[in-house]
Amino acid sequence: MKKARIKSWVGFALAIVSIGGGWILISGGSDHPAIMPKAVPVTANLKVELRPTGPEGLMIVRDIQCPRDKDFCRDLMKLKPADFALPAGQVCSAQYGGPSVADVTGTLRGAKINTRLSVNNGCQINQWNKLAGALGIPRSASGPS
């Protein structure tokens, strides 16, 4: 008789788990279990270290995680990981946009990001301005938009 009870409880527990379809039952010490939804996958997890006055200056840090940070995620999800790298051998105009730098590290849709943005020439200014809104950094006043 005890084996039949155990089997029926195991069967009942398996039925609850399968009916839950991705929901987790958690008992927090009370008589009523709490139901927690499945975690939403993180599509971006980036750390942005902005130094507006140059590499040795004051650092402003922003952590961006999507989908949590909706203000940035809409623009960030339009970008590709390749947008964080400048093509090798590209000819760039001799413009200087100032000493600002921004180090960006983390992941975007599973791809590793590890880059330093600056505004030392036309190519870097264009890249900076393309990424500025999604990273929460000010656009460069120099160069084309």
C-alpha atoms as a PDB file:
ATOM      1  CA  MET A   1       0.000   0.000   0.000  1.00  0.00           C
ATOM      2  CA  LYS A   2       2.862   2.434   0.800  1.00  0.00           C
ATOM      3  CA  LYS A   3       4.435   1.864  -2.644  1.00  0.00           C
ATOM      4  CA  ALA A   4       1.115   2.711  -4.308  1.00  0.00           C
ATOM      5  CA  ARG A   5       0.910   6.003  -2.357  1.00  0.00           C
ATOM      6  CA  ILE A   6       4.478   6.922  -3.274  1.00  0.00           C
ATOM      7  CA  LYS A   7       3.840   6.135  -6.944  1.00  0.00           C
ATOM      8  CA  SER A   8       0.649   8.213  -6.923  1.00  0.00           C
ATOM      9  CA  TRP A   9       2.461  11.187  -5.313  1.00  0.00           C
ATOM     10  CA  VAL A  10       5.322  10.907  -7.839  1.00  0.00           C
ATOM     11  CA  GLY A  11       2.781  10.744 -10.664  1.00  0.00           C
ATOM     12  CA  PHE A  12       0.954  13.757  -9.231  1.00  0.00           C
ATOM     13  CA  ALA A  13       4.207  15.752  -8.949  1.00  0.00           C
ATOM     14  CA  LEU A  14       5.172  14.893 -12.534  1.00  0.00           C
ATOM     15  CA  ALA A  15       1.740  15.954 -13.755  1.00  0.00           C
ATOM     16  CA  ILE A  16       2.055  19.306 -11.973  1.00  0.00           C
ATOM     17  CA  VAL A  17       5.493  19.888 -13.496  1.00  0.00           C
ATOM     18  CA  SER A  18       4.332  18.993 -17.020  1.00  0.00           C
ATOM     19  CA  ILE A  19       1.148  21.078 -16.714  1.00  0.00           C
ATOM     20  CA  GLY A  20       3.240  24.028 -15.538  1.00  0.00           C
ATOM     21  CA  GLY A  21       4.922  24.166 -18.968  1.00  0.00           C
ATOM     22  CA  GLY A  22       7.979  26.150 -17.942  1.00  0.00           C
ATOM     23  CA  TRP A  23       6.560  27.596 -14.724  1.00  0.00           C
ATOM     24  CA  ILE A  24       8.337  26.815 -11.491  1.00  0.00           C
ATOM     25  CA  LEU A  25       6.544  26.123  -8.227  1.00  0.00           C
ATOM     26  CA  ILE A  26       8.417  27.476  -5.225  1.00  0.00           C
ATOM     27  CA  SER A  27       7.401  27.060  -1.636  1.00  0.00           C
ATOM     28  CA  GLY A  28       8.485  30.047   0.382  1.00  0.00           C
ATOM     29  CA  GLY A  29       7.701  28.507   3.760  1.00  0.00           C
ATOM     30  CA  SER A  30       4.002  29.388   3.557  1.00  0.00           C
ATOM     31  CA  ASP A  31       1.016  27.226   2.724  1.00  0.00           C
ATOM     32  CA  HIS A  32       0.662  28.810  -0.732  1.00  0.00           C
ATOM     33  CA  PRO A  33       3.283  28.168  -3.422  1.00  0.00           C
ATOM     34  CA  ALA A  34       4.434  31.136  -5.478  1.00  0.00           C
ATOM     35  CA  ILE A  35       4.488  30.768  -9.248  1.00  0.00           C
ATOM     36  CA  MET A  36       7.507  32.282 -11.032  1.00  0.00           C
ATOM     37  CA  PRO A  37       7.659  32.741 -14.823  1.00  0.00           C
ATOM     38  CA  LYS A  38      10.598  31.422 -16.821  1.00  0.00           C
ATOM     39  CA  ALA A  39      13.462  33.925 -17.105  1.00  0.00           C
ATOM     40  CA  VAL A  40      13.573  36.112 -20.219  1.00  0.00           C
ATOM     41  CA  PRO A  41      16.850  35.611 -22.127  1.00  0.00           C
ATOM     42  CA  VAL A  42      19.365  38.439 -21.958  1.00  0.00           C
ATOM     43  CA  THR A  43      20.111  39.649 -25.495  1.00  0.00           C
ATOM     44  CA  ALA A  44      22.656  42.300 -24.520  1.00  0.00           C
ATOM     45  CA  ASN A  45      24.831  42.818 -21.477  1.00  0.00           C
ATOM     46  CA  LEU A  46      27.214  45.713 -22.011  1.00  0.00           C
ATOM     47  CA  LYS A  47      29.366  47.883 -19.775  1.00  0.00           C
ATOM     48  CA  VAL A  48      30.132  51.339 -21.169  1.00  0.00           C
ATOM     49  CA  GLU A  49      32.948  53.360 -19.585  1.00  0.00           C
ATOM     50  CA  LEU A  50      32.830  56.881 -20.998  1.00  0.00           C
ATOM     51  CA  ARG A  51      35.710  59.304 -20.440  1.00  0.00           C
ATOM     52  CA  PRO A  52      34.593  62.626 -21.989  1.00  0.00           C
ATOM     53  CA  THR A  53      37.899  64.407 -21.282  1.00  0.00           C
ATOM     54  CA  GLY A  54      40.195  61.614 -22.465  1.00  0.00           C
ATOM     55  CA  PRO A  55      41.667  58.294 -21.305  1.00  0.00           C
ATOM     56  CA  GLU A  56      42.960  59.689 -18.005  1.00  0.00           C
ATOM     57  CA  GLY A  57      39.870  61.760 -17.162  1.00  0.00           C
ATOM     58  CA  LEU A  58      36.728  61.268 -15.143  1.00  0.00           C
ATOM     59  CA  MET A  59      34.939  57.998 -15.978  1.00  0.00           C
ATOM     60  CA  ILE A  60      31.166  57.622 -16.270  1.00  0.00           C
ATOM     61  CA  VAL A  61      30.001  53.996 -16.177  1.00  0.00           C
ATOM     62  CA  ARG A  62      26.739  52.607 -17.546  1.00  0.00           C
ATOM     63  CA  ASP A  63      25.640  48.968 -17.477  1.00  0.00           C
ATOM     64  CA  ILE A  64      23.089  48.097 -20.157  1.00  0.00           C
ATOM     65  CA  GLN A  65      21.149  44.851 -20.090  1.00  0.00           C
ATOM     66  CA  CYS A  66      18.453  43.976 -22.593  1.00  0.00           C
ATOM     67  CA  PRO A  67      15.553  43.568 -22.297  1.00  0.00           C
ATOM     68  CA  ARG A  68      15.698  45.322 -18.881  1.00  0.00           C
ATOM     69  CA  ASP A  69      16.885  48.743 -20.149  1.00  0.00           C
ATOM     70  CA  LYS A  70      14.165  49.489 -22.690  1.00  0.00           C
ATOM     71  CA  ASP A  71      15.411  53.033 -23.388  1.00  0.00           C
ATOM     72  CA  PHE A  72      18.623  51.686 -24.930  1.00  0.00           C
ATOM     73  CA  CYS A  73      17.531  48.236 -26.112  1.00  0.00           C
ATOM     74  CA  ARG A  74      15.350  49.396 -28.987  1.00  0.00           C
ATOM     75  CA  ASP A  75      18.356  51.070 -30.668  1.00  0.00           C
ATOM     76  CA  LEU A  76      20.854  48.438 -29.524  1.00  0.00           C
ATOM     77  CA  MET A  77      18.884  45.592 -31.106  1.00  0.00           C
ATOM     78  CA  LYS A  78      19.171  47.345 -34.495  1.00  0.00           C
ATOM     79  CA  LEU A  79      22.970  46.986 -34.327  1.00  0.00           C
ATOM     80  CA  LYS A  80      25.172  44.057 -35.299  1.00  0.00           C
ATOM     81  CA  PRO A  81      28.276  43.014 -33.352  1.00  0.00           C
ATOM     82  CA  ALA A  82      30.296  44.039 -36.442  1.00  0.00           C
ATOM     83  CA  ASP A  83      29.183  47.659 -35.880  1.00  0.00           C
ATOM     84  CA  PHE A  84      31.522  47.733 -32.860  1.00  0.00           C
ATOM     85  CA  ALA A  85      34.632  47.145 -35.010  1.00  0.00           C
ATOM     86  CA  LEU A  86      36.152  49.356 -37.689  1.00  0.00           C
ATOM     87  CA  PRO A  87      37.077  47.620 -40.952  1.00  0.00           C
ATOM     88  CA  ALA A  88      40.842  47.075 -41.325  1.00  0.00           C
ATOM     89  CA  GLY A  89      42.567  49.203 -43.950  1.00  0.00           C
ATOM     90  CA  GLN A  90      39.735  51.709 -44.215  1.00  0.00           C
ATOM     91  CA  VAL A  91      40.791  55.183 -45.420  1.00  0.00           C
ATOM     92  CA  CYS A  92      39.568  57.828 -42.987  1.00  0.00           C
ATOM     93  CA  SER A  93      39.409  61.599 -43.105  1.00  0.00           C
ATOM     94  CA  ALA A  94      41.812  63.558 -40.908  1.00  0.00           C
ATOM     95  CA  GLN A  95      39.290  65.023 -38.493  1.00  0.00           C
ATOM     96  CA  TYR A  96      39.676  65.388 -34.763  1.00  0.00           C
ATOM     97  CA  GLY A  97      36.564  65.280 -32.633  1.00  0.00           C
ATOM     98  CA  GLY A  98      38.209  65.700 -29.249  1.00  0.00           C
ATOM     99  CA  PRO A  99      39.782  63.537 -26.554  1.00  0.00           C
ATOM    100  CA  SER A 100      36.655  61.516 -25.621  1.00  0.00           C
ATOM    101  CA  VAL A 101      36.903  57.725 -25.407  1.00  0.00           C
ATOM    102  CA  ALA A 102      34.407  55.023 -24.496  1.00  0.00           C
ATOM    103  CA  ASP A 103      35.326  51.419 -23.664  1.00  0.00           C
ATOM    104  CA  VAL A 104      32.524  48.952 -24.402  1.00  0.00           C
ATOM    105  CA  THR A 105      32.704  45.356 -23.135  1.00  0.00           C
ATOM    106  CA  GLY A 106      30.202  42.535 -22.784  1.00  0.00           C
ATOM    107  CA  THR A 107      27.946  40.619 -25.147  1.00  0.00           C
ATOM    108  CA  LEU A 108      25.420  41.440 -27.848  1.00  0.00           C
ATOM    109  CA  ARG A 109      23.197  38.516 -28.889  1.00  0.00           C
ATOM    110  CA  GLY A 110      25.881  36.083 -27.716  1.00  0.00           C
ATOM    111  CA  ALA A 111      28.800  37.777 -29.507  1.00  0.00           C
ATOM    112  CA  LYS A 112      31.607  39.195 -27.378  1.00  0.00           C
ATOM    113  CA  ILE A 113      32.124  42.947 -27.563  1.00  0.00           C
ATOM    114  CA  ASN A 114      35.424  44.501 -26.475  1.00  0.00           C
ATOM    115  CA  THR A 115      36.181  47.803 -28.159  1.00  0.00           C
ATOM    116  CA  ARG A 116      37.411  51.319 -27.529  1.00  0.00           C
ATOM    117  CA  LEU A 117      35.517  54.084 -29.288  1.00  0.00           C
ATOM    118  CA  SER A 118      37.118  57.445 -29.917  1.00  0.00           C
ATOM    119  CA  VAL A 119      36.667  60.490 -32.140  1.00  0.00           C
ATOM    120  CA  ASN A 120      40.205  60.779 -33.529  1.00  0.00           C
ATOM    121  CA  ASN A 121      39.312  60.581 -37.238  1.00  0.00           C
ATOM    122  CA  GLY A 122      36.326  60.596 -39.577  1.00  0.00           C
ATOM    123  CA  CYS A 123      35.786  56.814 -39.424  1.00  0.00           C
ATOM    124  CA  GLN A 124      35.838  56.777 -35.625  1.00  0.00           C
ATOM    125  CA  ILE A 125      33.521  59.800 -35.444  1.00  0.00           C
ATOM    126  CA  ASN A 126      30.997  58.022 -37.723  1.00  0.00           C
ATOM    127  CA  GLN A 127      31.210  54.845 -35.624  1.00  0.00           C
ATOM    128  CA  TRP A 128      30.828  56.842 -32.382  1.00  0.00           C
ATOM    129  CA  ASN A 129      27.736  58.631 -33.697  1.00  0.00           C
ATOM    130  CA  LYS A 130      26.197  55.385 -35.000  1.00  0.00           C
ATOM    131  CA  LEU A 131      26.514  53.764 -31.554  1.00  0.00           C
ATOM    132  CA  ALA A 132      25.900  56.846 -29.366  1.00  0.00           C
ATOM    133  CA  GLY A 133      22.129  56.554 -28.908  1.00  0.00           C
ATOM    134  CA  ALA A 134      22.194  52.839 -28.132  1.00  0.00           C
ATOM    135  CA  LEU A 135      25.033  53.245 -25.604  1.00  0.00           C
ATOM    136  CA  GLY A 136      23.758  56.404 -23.934  1.00  0.00           C
ATOM    137  CA  ILE A 137      26.799  58.501 -24.846  1.00  0.00           C
ATOM    138  CA  PRO A 138      26.611  61.996 -26.367  1.00  0.00           C
ATOM    139  CA  ARG A 139      27.012  62.290 -30.127  1.00  0.00           C
ATOM    140  CA  SER A 140      30.173  63.908 -31.416  1.00  0.00           C
ATOM    141  CA  ALA A 141      29.739  67.456 -32.666  1.00  0.00           C
ATOM    142  CA  SER A 142      32.422  66.805 -35.295  1.00  0.00           C
ATOM    143  CA  GLY A 143      31.976  65.112 -38.648  1.00  0.00           C
ATOM    144  CA  PRO A 144      28.931  63.884 -40.552  1.00  0.00           C
ATOM    145  CA  SER A 145      25.981  62.463 -38.657  1.00  0.00           C
END
